[in-house]
Amino acid sequence: MSENTDIFDFKTLGQAIKKAREAREMTREQLAEILDIAPRHIQAIENEGQHPSCQLFVRLITMFDISVDQYLFPNKDTAKSTLRRQIDTMLDGFEEKDLMVIEGTAKGICKAKETEE
């Protein structure tokens, strides 16, 4: 192997998993129970950058709608960030009247940005 070989630092992805878990108001213990693993293992993944098994990795990113491209390829433009994917998932659960409120808010933000420029 060459000296330039990069080793993937899992800490930022672990933090994204933690943030997504907390956004769903889920404890480590609850997640560990769902995944049938020890809560300490979840803590190590989230805070210490421990690499999960491939199977656990896929379950976590799928469960929390995390886009890994932004972590695996930080210098490359990705189609949708994790936040964008999570918002899309939330939007799918809204009714038409809810979406109208969100649309109005988005338009208000756009208008405010235009006046700032």
Protein backbone atom coordinates (compact mmCIF):
# COMPACT_ATOMS: atom_id res chain seq x y z
CA MET A 1 0.00 0.00 0.00
CA SER A 2 1.17 3.50 -0.70
CA GLU A 3 1.76 6.10 1.98
CA ASN A 4 -1.06 8.24 0.57
CA THR A 5 -3.75 5.67 1.31
CA ASP A 6 -6.49 7.39 3.30
CA ILE A 7 -8.20 5.58 6.13
CA PHE A 8 -11.83 6.56 6.46
CA ASP A 9 -12.54 8.46 9.68
CA PHE A 10 -15.96 7.29 10.82
CA LYS A 11 -16.39 10.02 13.48
CA THR A 12 -18.32 12.48 11.30
CA LEU A 13 -20.64 9.76 10.03
CA GLY A 14 -21.08 8.50 13.60
CA GLN A 15 -22.09 12.01 14.63
CA ALA A 16 -24.63 12.13 11.80
CA ILE A 17 -26.12 8.87 13.07
CA LYS A 18 -26.30 10.32 16.59
CA LYS A 19 -27.94 13.52 15.36
CA ALA A 20 -30.51 11.57 13.34
CA ARG A 21 -31.25 9.29 16.29
CA GLU A 22 -31.73 12.25 18.61
CA ALA A 23 -33.93 14.02 16.05
CA ARG A 24 -36.26 11.03 16.28
CA GLU A 25 -36.14 11.32 20.07
CA MET A 26 -34.74 7.82 20.29
CA THR A 27 -32.36 6.78 23.06
CA ARG A 28 -29.28 4.67 22.50
CA GLU A 29 -30.96 1.95 24.51
CA GLN A 30 -34.02 1.98 22.25
CA LEU A 31 -31.89 1.85 19.11
CA ALA A 32 -29.72 -0.91 20.57
CA GLU A 33 -32.83 -2.94 21.34
CA ILE A 34 -34.15 -2.54 17.78
CA LEU A 35 -30.77 -3.59 16.36
CA ASP A 36 -30.19 -6.28 18.98
CA ILE A 37 -26.79 -4.90 20.00
CA ALA A 38 -25.34 -3.36 23.16
CA PRO A 39 -25.99 0.37 23.80
CA ARG A 40 -22.24 0.73 24.38
CA HIS A 41 -21.67 -0.32 20.76
CA ILE A 42 -23.98 2.47 19.56
CA GLN A 43 -22.10 4.93 21.76
CA ALA A 44 -18.76 3.81 20.32
CA ILE A 45 -20.04 4.25 16.76
CA GLU A 46 -21.53 7.68 17.45
CA ASN A 47 -18.83 9.22 19.63
CA GLU A 48 -15.62 7.32 19.07
CA GLY A 49 -15.78 6.65 15.35
CA GLN A 50 -15.84 2.89 15.74
CA HIS A 51 -16.51 1.18 12.41
CA PRO A 52 -19.69 -0.92 12.49
CA SER A 53 -20.04 -4.13 10.54
CA CYS A 54 -21.20 -3.65 6.98
CA GLN A 55 -24.64 -5.06 7.82
CA LEU A 56 -25.07 -2.72 10.81
CA PHE A 57 -23.80 0.22 8.76
CA VAL A 58 -26.43 -0.39 6.08
CA ARG A 59 -29.18 -0.78 8.68
CA LEU A 60 -28.23 2.51 10.37
CA ILE A 61 -27.99 4.64 7.23
CA THR A 62 -31.20 3.14 5.88
CA MET A 63 -33.08 3.58 9.15
CA PHE A 64 -32.08 7.24 9.46
CA ASP A 65 -32.04 8.22 5.75
CA ILE A 66 -28.36 9.20 5.87
CA SER A 67 -26.61 9.96 2.60
CA VAL A 68 -23.11 8.57 2.94
CA ASP A 69 -21.75 10.24 -0.20
CA GLN A 70 -21.09 13.48 1.64
CA TYR A 71 -18.94 11.58 4.16
CA LEU A 72 -17.21 9.17 1.81
CA PHE A 73 -16.57 11.81 -0.86
CA PRO A 74 -16.40 15.12 1.04
CA ASN A 75 -14.87 17.03 -1.87
CA LYS A 76 -17.50 15.91 -4.38
CA ASP A 77 -20.90 17.50 -4.89
CA THR A 78 -23.59 15.07 -3.80
CA ALA A 79 -27.11 14.98 -5.14
CA LYS A 80 -28.77 15.17 -1.72
CA SER A 81 -27.26 15.70 1.69
CA THR A 82 -28.43 13.75 4.69
CA LEU A 83 -30.45 16.72 5.91
CA ARG A 84 -32.12 17.07 2.51
CA ARG A 85 -33.02 13.34 2.49
CA GLN A 86 -34.41 13.54 6.03
CA ILE A 87 -36.52 16.59 5.15
CA ASP A 88 -37.81 14.78 2.05
CA THR A 89 -38.84 11.86 4.25
CA MET A 90 -40.69 14.19 6.62
CA LEU A 91 -42.42 15.93 3.71
CA ASP A 92 -43.72 12.60 2.47
CA GLY A 93 -45.74 12.30 5.69
CA PHE A 94 -47.42 15.70 5.40
CA GLU A 95 -50.87 16.43 4.07
CA GLU A 96 -51.52 19.02 1.35
CA LYS A 97 -52.45 21.76 3.84
CA ASP A 98 -49.20 21.17 5.74
CA LEU A 99 -47.23 21.45 2.51
CA MET A 100 -48.94 24.76 1.76
CA VAL A 101 -47.65 26.17 5.06
CA ILE A 102 -44.14 24.91 4.28
CA GLU A 103 -44.32 26.38 0.78
CA GLY A 104 -45.33 29.77 2.22
CA THR A 105 -42.45 29.65 4.67
CA ALA A 106 -39.97 28.74 1.93
CA LYS A 107 -41.23 31.58 -0.27
CA GLY A 108 -40.88 33.97 2.68
CA ILE A 109 -37.26 32.88 3.21
CA CYS A 110 -36.51 33.36 -0.49
CA LYS A 111 -38.05 36.83 -0.45
CA ALA A 112 -36.07 37.79 2.66
CA LYS A 113 -32.85 36.64 0.96
CA GLU A 114 -33.65 38.76 -2.09
CA THR A 115 -34.02 41.88 0.05
CA GLU A 116 -30.70 41.16 1.78
CA GLU A 117 -28.89 41.20 -1.57
